[in-house]
Structures are given as C-alpha cells and as structure tokens.
Amino acid sequence: MSDQLFDGRRFRLLTLVDYFIRESLAIRVGQRLTGDDVVSV
C-alpha cells in the first residue's frame, strides 16, 4: 500500500497477512522499501 503526507512526501507500507488464521504477521513502513527489506520481513 502507499499513501501521501500533507506535504507531498510519499510512503509505503508492506503488510504480511495470514488469511487462514486472520493475523497480521508484519507491517513495515518506509519511504523506500527494497527487495532486501521484503526478504528480511
């Protein structure tokens, strides 16, 4: 997901959800999310 702040800066959210048990496993927020960030989460 992504959104924009009031001053125009954009940020992204990486959310990992297990739909079988309906639980959020991780949420990572940052202006830049790289492939290494995804692997580490």
PDB file of N, CA and C in Angstrom:
ATOM      1  N   MET A   1       0.846  -1.155   0.000  1.00  0.00           N
ATOM      2  CA  MET A   1       0.000   0.000   0.000  1.00  0.00           C
ATOM      3  C   MET A   1       0.898   1.226   0.000  1.00  0.00           C
ATOM      4  N   SER A   2       0.366   2.323  -0.444  1.00  0.00           N
ATOM      5  CA  SER A   2       1.113   3.574  -0.394  1.00  0.00           C
ATOM      6  C   SER A   2       0.143   4.716  -0.114  1.00  0.00           C
ATOM      7  N   ASP A   3       0.709   5.795   0.397  1.00  0.00           N
ATOM      8  CA  ASP A   3      -0.088   6.978   0.702  1.00  0.00           C
ATOM      9  C   ASP A   3       0.821   8.194   0.605  1.00  0.00           C
ATOM     10  N   GLN A   4       0.234   9.360   0.793  1.00  0.00           N
ATOM     11  CA  GLN A   4       0.979  10.601   0.671  1.00  0.00           C
ATOM     12  C   GLN A   4       0.675  11.483   1.874  1.00  0.00           C
ATOM     13  N   LEU A   5       1.723  12.104   2.423  1.00  0.00           N
ATOM     14  CA  LEU A   5       1.565  13.012   3.547  1.00  0.00           C
ATOM     15  C   LEU A   5       1.054  14.366   3.070  1.00  0.00           C
ATOM     16  N   PHE A   6       0.677  15.231   3.990  1.00  0.00           N
ATOM     17  CA  PHE A   6       0.127  16.546   3.636  1.00  0.00           C
ATOM     18  C   PHE A   6       1.124  17.410   2.881  1.00  0.00           C
ATOM     19  N   ASP A   7       2.433  17.173   3.089  1.00  0.00           N
ATOM     20  CA  ASP A   7       3.446  17.988   2.410  1.00  0.00           C
ATOM     21  C   ASP A   7       3.919  17.363   1.094  1.00  0.00           C
ATOM     22  N   GLY A   8       3.272  16.299   0.655  1.00  0.00           N
ATOM     23  CA  GLY A   8       3.573  15.706  -0.643  1.00  0.00           C
ATOM     24  C   GLY A   8       4.524  14.526  -0.620  1.00  0.00           C
ATOM     25  N   ARG A   9       5.145  14.249   0.529  1.00  0.00           N
ATOM     26  CA  ARG A   9       6.047  13.096   0.607  1.00  0.00           C
ATOM     27  C   ARG A   9       5.233  11.806   0.616  1.00  0.00           C
ATOM     28  N   ARG A  10       5.727  10.822  -0.140  1.00  0.00           N
ATOM     29  CA  ARG A  10       5.035   9.543  -0.245  1.00  0.00           C
ATOM     30  C   ARG A  10       5.696   8.526   0.673  1.00  0.00           C
ATOM     31  N   PHE A  11       4.894   7.578   1.161  1.00  0.00           N
ATOM     32  CA  PHE A  11       5.441   6.481   1.949  1.00  0.00           C
ATOM     33  C   PHE A  11       4.706   5.202   1.579  1.00  0.00           C
ATOM     34  N   ARG A  12       5.342   4.077   1.877  1.00  0.00           N
ATOM     35  CA  ARG A  12       4.778   2.774   1.538  1.00  0.00           C
ATOM     36  C   ARG A  12       4.680   1.899   2.776  1.00  0.00           C
ATOM     37  N   LEU A  13       3.733   0.974   2.721  1.00  0.00           N
ATOM     38  CA  LEU A  13       3.547   0.012   3.795  1.00  0.00           C
ATOM     39  C   LEU A  13       3.608  -1.387   3.194  1.00  0.00           C
ATOM     40  N   LEU A  14       4.437  -2.218   3.783  1.00  0.00           N
ATOM     41  CA  LEU A  14       4.495  -3.623   3.416  1.00  0.00           C
ATOM     42  C   LEU A  14       3.764  -4.390   4.509  1.00  0.00           C
ATOM     43  N   THR A  15       2.663  -5.013   4.169  1.00  0.00           N
ATOM     44  CA  THR A  15       1.875  -5.753   5.149  1.00  0.00           C
ATOM     45  C   THR A  15       1.840  -7.220   4.770  1.00  0.00           C
ATOM     46  N   LEU A  16       2.113  -8.080   5.749  1.00  0.00           N
ATOM     47  CA  LEU A  16       2.031  -9.525   5.560  1.00  0.00           C
ATOM     48  C   LEU A  16       0.893 -10.043   6.426  1.00  0.00           C
ATOM     49  N   VAL A  17      -0.077 -10.674   5.785  1.00  0.00           N
ATOM     50  CA  VAL A  17      -1.267 -11.147   6.488  1.00  0.00           C
ATOM     51  C   VAL A  17      -1.451 -12.629   6.203  1.00  0.00           C
ATOM     52  N   ASP A  18      -1.703 -13.398   7.260  1.00  0.00           N
ATOM     53  CA  ASP A  18      -2.050 -14.813   7.123  1.00  0.00           C
ATOM     54  C   ASP A  18      -3.578 -14.894   7.175  1.00  0.00           C
ATOM     55  N   TYR A  19      -4.191 -15.118   6.036  1.00  0.00           N
ATOM     56  CA  TYR A  19      -5.651 -15.126   5.970  1.00  0.00           C
ATOM     57  C   TYR A  19      -6.262 -16.371   6.588  1.00  0.00           C
ATOM     58  N   PHE A  20      -5.491 -17.450   6.731  1.00  0.00           N
ATOM     59  CA  PHE A  20      -6.025 -18.663   7.335  1.00  0.00           C
ATOM     60  C   PHE A  20      -6.318 -18.443   8.817  1.00  0.00           C
ATOM     61  N   ILE A  21      -5.376 -17.841   9.539  1.00  0.00           N
ATOM     62  CA  ILE A  21      -5.589 -17.588  10.964  1.00  0.00           C
ATOM     63  C   ILE A  21      -6.013 -16.141  11.229  1.00  0.00           C
ATOM     64  N   ARG A  22      -6.124 -15.351  10.151  1.00  0.00           N
ATOM     65  CA  ARG A  22      -6.575 -13.952  10.227  1.00  0.00           C
ATOM     66  C   ARG A  22      -5.721 -13.126  11.188  1.00  0.00           C
ATOM     67  N   GLU A  23      -4.432 -13.156  10.927  1.00  0.00           N
ATOM     68  CA  GLU A  23      -3.488 -12.458  11.780  1.00  0.00           C
ATOM     69  C   GLU A  23      -2.502 -11.671  10.927  1.00  0.00           C
ATOM     70  N   SER A  24      -2.169 -10.479  11.369  1.00  0.00           N
ATOM     71  CA  SER A  24      -1.155  -9.679  10.699  1.00  0.00           C
ATOM     72  C   SER A  24       0.210 -10.127  11.214  1.00  0.00           C
ATOM     73  N   LEU A  25       1.057 -10.598  10.313  1.00  0.00           N
ATOM     74  CA  LEU A  25       2.353 -11.119  10.710  1.00  0.00           C
ATOM     75  C   LEU A  25       3.409 -10.025  10.809  1.00  0.00           C
ATOM     76  N   ALA A  26       3.317  -9.006   9.930  1.00  0.00           N
ATOM     77  CA  ALA A  26       4.321  -7.948   9.954  1.00  0.00           C
ATOM     78  C   ALA A  26       3.798  -6.729   9.213  1.00  0.00           C
ATOM     79  N   ILE A  27       4.234  -5.570   9.654  1.00  0.00           N
ATOM     80  CA  ILE A  27       3.965  -4.313   8.957  1.00  0.00           C
ATOM     81  C   ILE A  27       5.280  -3.534   8.936  1.00  0.00           C
ATOM     82  N   ARG A  28       5.737  -3.164   7.757  1.00  0.00           N
ATOM     83  CA  ARG A  28       6.975  -2.381   7.605  1.00  0.00           C
ATOM     84  C   ARG A  28       6.606  -1.094   6.867  1.00  0.00           C
ATOM     85  N   VAL A  29       7.004   0.048   7.405  1.00  0.00           N
ATOM     86  CA  VAL A  29       6.697   1.352   6.826  1.00  0.00           C
ATOM     87  C   VAL A  29       7.997   2.052   6.464  1.00  0.00           C
ATOM     88  N   GLY A  30       8.037   2.683   5.295  1.00  0.00           N
ATOM     89  CA  GLY A  30       9.216   3.434   4.906  1.00  0.00           C
ATOM     90  C   GLY A  30       8.982   4.188   3.613  1.00  0.00           C
ATOM     91  N   GLN A  31       9.863   5.145   3.355  1.00  0.00           N
ATOM     92  CA  GLN A  31       9.757   5.892   2.104  1.00  0.00           C
ATOM     93  C   GLN A  31      10.263   5.055   0.945  1.00  0.00           C
ATOM     94  N   ARG A  32      11.244   4.214   1.202  1.00  0.00           N
ATOM     95  CA  ARG A  32      11.761   3.313   0.171  1.00  0.00           C
ATOM     96  C   ARG A  32      11.845   1.924   0.735  1.00  0.00           C
ATOM     97  N   LEU A  33      11.169   0.975   0.119  1.00  0.00           N
ATOM     98  CA  LEU A  33      11.245  -0.417   0.521  1.00  0.00           C
ATOM     99  C   LEU A  33      11.895  -1.185  -0.616  1.00  0.00           C
ATOM    100  N   THR A  34      13.023  -1.801  -0.323  1.00  0.00           N
ATOM    101  CA  THR A  34      13.759  -2.542  -1.343  1.00  0.00           C
ATOM    102  C   THR A  34      13.413  -4.017  -1.273  1.00  0.00           C
ATOM    103  N   GLY A  35      13.916  -4.751  -2.220  1.00  0.00           N
ATOM    104  CA  GLY A  35      13.729  -6.198  -2.214  1.00  0.00           C
ATOM    105  C   GLY A  35      14.353  -6.846  -0.998  1.00  0.00           C
ATOM    106  N   ASP A  36      15.465  -6.280  -0.516  1.00  0.00           N
ATOM    107  CA  ASP A  36      16.107  -6.792   0.702  1.00  0.00           C
ATOM    108  C   ASP A  36      15.205  -6.604   1.914  1.00  0.00           C
ATOM    109  N   ASP A  37      14.460  -5.498   1.964  1.00  0.00           N
ATOM    110  CA  ASP A  37      13.508  -5.274   3.039  1.00  0.00           C
ATOM    111  C   ASP A  37      12.415  -6.334   3.030  1.00  0.00           C
ATOM    112  N   VAL A  38      11.933  -6.652   1.847  1.00  0.00           N
ATOM    113  CA  VAL A  38      10.872  -7.658   1.720  1.00  0.00           C
ATOM    114  C   VAL A  38      11.384  -9.014   2.186  1.00  0.00           C
ATOM    115  N   VAL A  39      12.598  -9.378   1.795  1.00  0.00           N
ATOM    116  CA  VAL A  39      13.163 -10.665   2.196  1.00  0.00           C
ATOM    117  C   VAL A  39      13.389 -10.709   3.696  1.00  0.00           C
ATOM    118  N   SER A  40      13.843  -9.628   4.299  1.00  0.00           N
ATOM    119  CA  SER A  40      14.107  -9.632   5.733  1.00  0.00           C
ATOM    120  C   SER A  40      12.836  -9.736   6.562  1.00  0.00           C
ATOM    121  N   VAL A  41      11.750  -9.184   6.053  1.00  0.00           N
ATOM    122  CA  VAL A  41      10.474  -9.278   6.769  1.00  0.00           C
ATOM    123  C   VAL A  41       9.939 -10.674   6.646  1.00  0.00           C
TER     124      VAL A  41
END
